[in-house]
């Protein structure tokens, strides 16, 4: 997904051989003062995953402020998969405990049952930046 607001941002999903992309979308998650991007795809993995023959996969670079757009795109791409067969990964710009509220704003459906890792994952130089923001849910 591409977000051309303000300074711009881009997020892409790259899937292994054998995965079929059935539909896709992306775009901006916030306003131009905190423009961040996301990408979403409805995919068919080569084998069933946790009882799901299709998955909704979301890659995101969440804004530091609230997510105010993008849910309609996720709904259009993934439909009912958001209720049980969705994974999302990326820079959430939030601690693990705050991921469910961001999930609700972008994906909806049930809150994620697992969010990991809960450890420092970015940034360089560590003497200047610190972040516990990269998670898979």
C-alpha atoms as a PDB file:
ATOM      1  CA  UNK A   1       0.000   0.000   0.000  1.00  0.00           C
ATOM      2  CA  UNK A   2       1.151   3.519  -0.762  1.00  0.00           C
ATOM      3  CA  UNK A   3       0.325   6.634   1.237  1.00  0.00           C
ATOM      4  CA  UNK A   4       1.366   9.778  -0.597  1.00  0.00           C
ATOM      5  CA  UNK A   5       0.170  12.213   2.107  1.00  0.00           C
ATOM      6  CA  UNK A   6       2.836  14.562   3.522  1.00  0.00           C
ATOM      7  CA  UNK A   7       6.201  12.766   3.454  1.00  0.00           C
ATOM      8  CA  UNK A   8       4.684   9.478   2.217  1.00  0.00           C
ATOM      9  CA  UNK A   9       5.028   5.880   3.313  1.00  0.00           C
ATOM     10  CA  UNK A  10       4.918   2.458   1.652  1.00  0.00           C
ATOM     11  CA  UNK A  11       4.206  -1.064   2.929  1.00  0.00           C
ATOM     12  CA  UNK A  12       4.372  -4.240   0.848  1.00  0.00           C
ATOM     13  CA  UNK A  13       3.516  -7.873   1.453  1.00  0.00           C
ATOM     14  CA  UNK A  14       5.851 -10.478  -0.012  1.00  0.00           C
ATOM     15  CA  UNK A  15       4.630 -14.067   0.035  1.00  0.00           C
ATOM     16  CA  UNK A  16       6.473 -17.308  -0.599  1.00  0.00           C
ATOM     17  CA  UNK A  17       6.004 -19.387  -3.701  1.00  0.00           C
ATOM     18  CA  UNK A  18       2.788 -21.397  -3.575  1.00  0.00           C
ATOM     19  CA  UNK A  19       0.678 -18.674  -1.979  1.00  0.00           C
ATOM     20  CA  UNK A  20      -2.131 -17.334  -4.193  1.00  0.00           C
ATOM     21  CA  UNK A  21      -3.260 -13.708  -3.881  1.00  0.00           C
ATOM     22  CA  UNK A  22      -7.043 -13.608  -4.350  1.00  0.00           C
ATOM     23  CA  UNK A  23      -7.558  -9.873  -3.732  1.00  0.00           C
ATOM     24  CA  UNK A  24      -5.478  -6.978  -2.445  1.00  0.00           C
ATOM     25  CA  UNK A  25      -5.514  -3.336  -1.398  1.00  0.00           C
ATOM     26  CA  UNK A  26      -3.810  -0.743   0.731  1.00  0.00           C
ATOM     27  CA  UNK A  27      -3.394   2.943   1.392  1.00  0.00           C
ATOM     28  CA  UNK A  28      -3.174   5.476   4.217  1.00  0.00           C
ATOM     29  CA  UNK A  29      -4.093   4.901   7.852  1.00  0.00           C
ATOM     30  CA  UNK A  30      -4.137   8.432   9.231  1.00  0.00           C
ATOM     31  CA  UNK A  31      -4.038  12.090   8.267  1.00  0.00           C
ATOM     32  CA  UNK A  32      -1.294  13.890   6.400  1.00  0.00           C
ATOM     33  CA  UNK A  33       0.278  15.051   9.677  1.00  0.00           C
ATOM     34  CA  UNK A  34       1.057  11.396  10.577  1.00  0.00           C
ATOM     35  CA  UNK A  35       0.827   9.569   7.243  1.00  0.00           C
ATOM     36  CA  UNK A  36       1.447   5.837   7.511  1.00  0.00           C
ATOM     37  CA  UNK A  37       0.668   3.028   5.070  1.00  0.00           C
ATOM     38  CA  UNK A  38      -0.772  -0.473   5.093  1.00  0.00           C
ATOM     39  CA  UNK A  39      -1.187  -3.346   2.663  1.00  0.00           C
ATOM     40  CA  UNK A  40      -3.818  -6.082   2.835  1.00  0.00           C
ATOM     41  CA  UNK A  41      -4.327  -9.278   0.858  1.00  0.00           C
ATOM     42  CA  UNK A  42      -6.759 -12.159   0.862  1.00  0.00           C
ATOM     43  CA  UNK A  43      -4.566 -15.169   0.181  1.00  0.00           C
ATOM     44  CA  UNK A  44      -4.734 -18.919  -0.211  1.00  0.00           C
ATOM     45  CA  UNK A  45      -1.743 -20.571   1.469  1.00  0.00           C
ATOM     46  CA  UNK A  46      -0.360 -23.816   0.028  1.00  0.00           C
ATOM     47  CA  UNK A  47      -1.723 -25.701   3.073  1.00  0.00           C
ATOM     48  CA  UNK A  48      -4.507 -24.951   5.538  1.00  0.00           C
ATOM     49  CA  UNK A  49      -3.392 -22.807   8.499  1.00  0.00           C
ATOM     50  CA  UNK A  50      -5.193 -23.325  11.813  1.00  0.00           C
ATOM     51  CA  UNK A  51      -8.301 -24.507   9.956  1.00  0.00           C
ATOM     52  CA  UNK A  52      -8.211 -21.604   7.463  1.00  0.00           C
ATOM     53  CA  UNK A  53      -7.958 -22.381   3.743  1.00  0.00           C
ATOM     54  CA  UNK A  54      -7.804 -18.601   3.090  1.00  0.00           C
ATOM     55  CA  UNK A  55      -6.196 -15.877   5.182  1.00  0.00           C
ATOM     56  CA  UNK A  56      -6.430 -12.131   5.476  1.00  0.00           C
ATOM     57  CA  UNK A  57      -2.859 -10.808   5.759  1.00  0.00           C
ATOM     58  CA  UNK A  58      -2.229  -7.211   6.810  1.00  0.00           C
ATOM     59  CA  UNK A  59       1.126  -5.427   6.805  1.00  0.00           C
ATOM     60  CA  UNK A  60       1.183  -2.065   8.517  1.00  0.00           C
ATOM     61  CA  UNK A  61       3.198   0.895   9.644  1.00  0.00           C
ATOM     62  CA  UNK A  62       0.723   2.273  12.168  1.00  0.00           C
ATOM     63  CA  UNK A  63       0.526   6.015  12.798  1.00  0.00           C
ATOM     64  CA  UNK A  64       1.518   7.445  16.166  1.00  0.00           C
ATOM     65  CA  UNK A  65      -1.997   8.895  16.288  1.00  0.00           C
ATOM     66  CA  UNK A  66      -5.313   7.076  15.771  1.00  0.00           C
ATOM     67  CA  UNK A  67      -6.097   5.013  12.682  1.00  0.00           C
ATOM     68  CA  UNK A  68      -8.860   6.950  10.928  1.00  0.00           C
ATOM     69  CA  UNK A  69      -9.011   5.185   7.569  1.00  0.00           C
ATOM     70  CA  UNK A  70      -8.320   1.814   5.995  1.00  0.00           C
ATOM     71  CA  UNK A  71     -10.922  -0.418   7.666  1.00  0.00           C
ATOM     72  CA  UNK A  72     -13.222  -0.186   4.647  1.00  0.00           C
ATOM     73  CA  UNK A  73     -10.386  -1.455   2.439  1.00  0.00           C
ATOM     74  CA  UNK A  74      -9.659  -4.383   4.777  1.00  0.00           C
ATOM     75  CA  UNK A  75     -13.384  -5.226   4.819  1.00  0.00           C
ATOM     76  CA  UNK A  76     -13.603  -5.071   1.009  1.00  0.00           C
ATOM     77  CA  UNK A  77     -10.518  -7.256   0.500  1.00  0.00           C
ATOM     78  CA  UNK A  78     -11.043  -9.809   3.272  1.00  0.00           C
ATOM     79  CA  UNK A  79     -14.748  -9.875   4.132  1.00  0.00           C
ATOM     80  CA  UNK A  80     -15.621 -12.334   6.907  1.00  0.00           C
ATOM     81  CA  UNK A  81     -12.032 -13.571   7.216  1.00  0.00           C
ATOM     82  CA  UNK A  82     -11.447 -10.713   9.683  1.00  0.00           C
ATOM     83  CA  UNK A  83     -13.488 -12.669  12.227  1.00  0.00           C
ATOM     84  CA  UNK A  84     -11.211 -15.695  12.454  1.00  0.00           C
ATOM     85  CA  UNK A  85      -8.498 -16.050   9.807  1.00  0.00           C
ATOM     86  CA  UNK A  86      -6.433 -12.857   9.944  1.00  0.00           C
ATOM     87  CA  UNK A  87      -2.809 -12.110  10.754  1.00  0.00           C
ATOM     88  CA  UNK A  88      -1.244  -8.677  10.881  1.00  0.00           C
ATOM     89  CA  UNK A  89       2.401  -7.726  11.193  1.00  0.00           C
ATOM     90  CA  UNK A  90       4.617  -4.698  11.124  1.00  0.00           C
ATOM     91  CA  UNK A  91       5.469  -1.579  13.063  1.00  0.00           C
ATOM     92  CA  UNK A  92       2.450  -0.946  15.287  1.00  0.00           C
ATOM     93  CA  UNK A  93       4.106   2.084  16.962  1.00  0.00           C
ATOM     94  CA  UNK A  94       2.674   0.739  20.206  1.00  0.00           C
ATOM     95  CA  UNK A  95       3.410  -1.771  22.925  1.00  0.00           C
ATOM     96  CA  UNK A  96       1.849  -5.252  22.768  1.00  0.00           C
ATOM     97  CA  UNK A  97      -0.871  -4.253  25.252  1.00  0.00           C
ATOM     98  CA  UNK A  98      -2.126  -1.551  22.861  1.00  0.00           C
ATOM     99  CA  UNK A  99      -2.294  -3.702  19.708  1.00  0.00           C
ATOM    100  CA  UNK A 100      -5.935  -4.843  20.244  1.00  0.00           C
ATOM    101  CA  UNK A 101      -7.230  -1.252  20.000  1.00  0.00           C
ATOM    102  CA  UNK A 102      -5.321  -0.656  16.747  1.00  0.00           C
ATOM    103  CA  UNK A 103      -6.530  -4.048  15.469  1.00  0.00           C
ATOM    104  CA  UNK A 104     -10.137  -3.012  16.181  1.00  0.00           C
ATOM    105  CA  UNK A 105      -9.746   0.286  14.293  1.00  0.00           C
ATOM    106  CA  UNK A 106      -8.222  -1.317  11.191  1.00  0.00           C
ATOM    107  CA  UNK A 107      -9.417  -4.918  11.098  1.00  0.00           C
ATOM    108  CA  UNK A 108     -12.352  -5.334  13.456  1.00  0.00           C
ATOM    109  CA  UNK A 109     -13.543  -8.816  14.316  1.00  0.00           C
ATOM    110  CA  UNK A 110     -12.244 -10.594  17.386  1.00  0.00           C
ATOM    111  CA  UNK A 111      -9.133  -9.246  19.076  1.00  0.00           C
ATOM    112  CA  UNK A 112      -5.954 -11.175  18.249  1.00  0.00           C
ATOM    113  CA  UNK A 113      -5.322 -14.168  20.521  1.00  0.00           C
ATOM    114  CA  UNK A 114      -1.530 -13.818  20.249  1.00  0.00           C
ATOM    115  CA  UNK A 115       0.669 -10.730  19.890  1.00  0.00           C
ATOM    116  CA  UNK A 116       4.451 -11.256  19.790  1.00  0.00           C
ATOM    117  CA  UNK A 117       7.197 -10.371  20.347  1.00  0.00           C
ATOM    118  CA  UNK A 118       7.034  -8.229  23.458  1.00  0.00           C
ATOM    119  CA  UNK A 119      10.638  -7.058  23.337  1.00  0.00           C
ATOM    120  CA  UNK A 120      12.805  -4.303  21.933  1.00  0.00           C
ATOM    121  CA  UNK A 121      12.886  -4.648  18.154  1.00  0.00           C
ATOM    122  CA  UNK A 122      14.034  -1.307  16.819  1.00  0.00           C
ATOM    123  CA  UNK A 123      15.784   1.222  16.244  1.00  0.00           C
ATOM    124  CA  UNK A 124      19.272   2.335  15.374  1.00  0.00           C
ATOM    125  CA  UNK A 125      21.245   3.853  16.928  1.00  0.00           C
ATOM    126  CA  UNK A 126      19.915   2.365  20.151  1.00  0.00           C
ATOM    127  CA  UNK A 127      21.556   5.173  22.107  1.00  0.00           C
ATOM    128  CA  UNK A 128      19.126   7.606  20.463  1.00  0.00           C
ATOM    129  CA  UNK A 129      16.012   5.538  19.633  1.00  0.00           C
ATOM    130  CA  UNK A 130      14.123   2.803  21.400  1.00  0.00           C
ATOM    131  CA  UNK A 131      11.132   0.787  20.319  1.00  0.00           C
ATOM    132  CA  UNK A 132       9.064  -2.199  21.326  1.00  0.00           C
ATOM    133  CA  UNK A 133       6.759  -1.771  18.359  1.00  0.00           C
ATOM    134  CA  UNK A 134       7.258  -4.586  15.840  1.00  0.00           C
ATOM    135  CA  UNK A 135       4.685  -7.337  16.372  1.00  0.00           C
ATOM    136  CA  UNK A 136       2.838 -10.196  14.714  1.00  0.00           C
ATOM    137  CA  UNK A 137      -0.790 -10.564  15.806  1.00  0.00           C
END
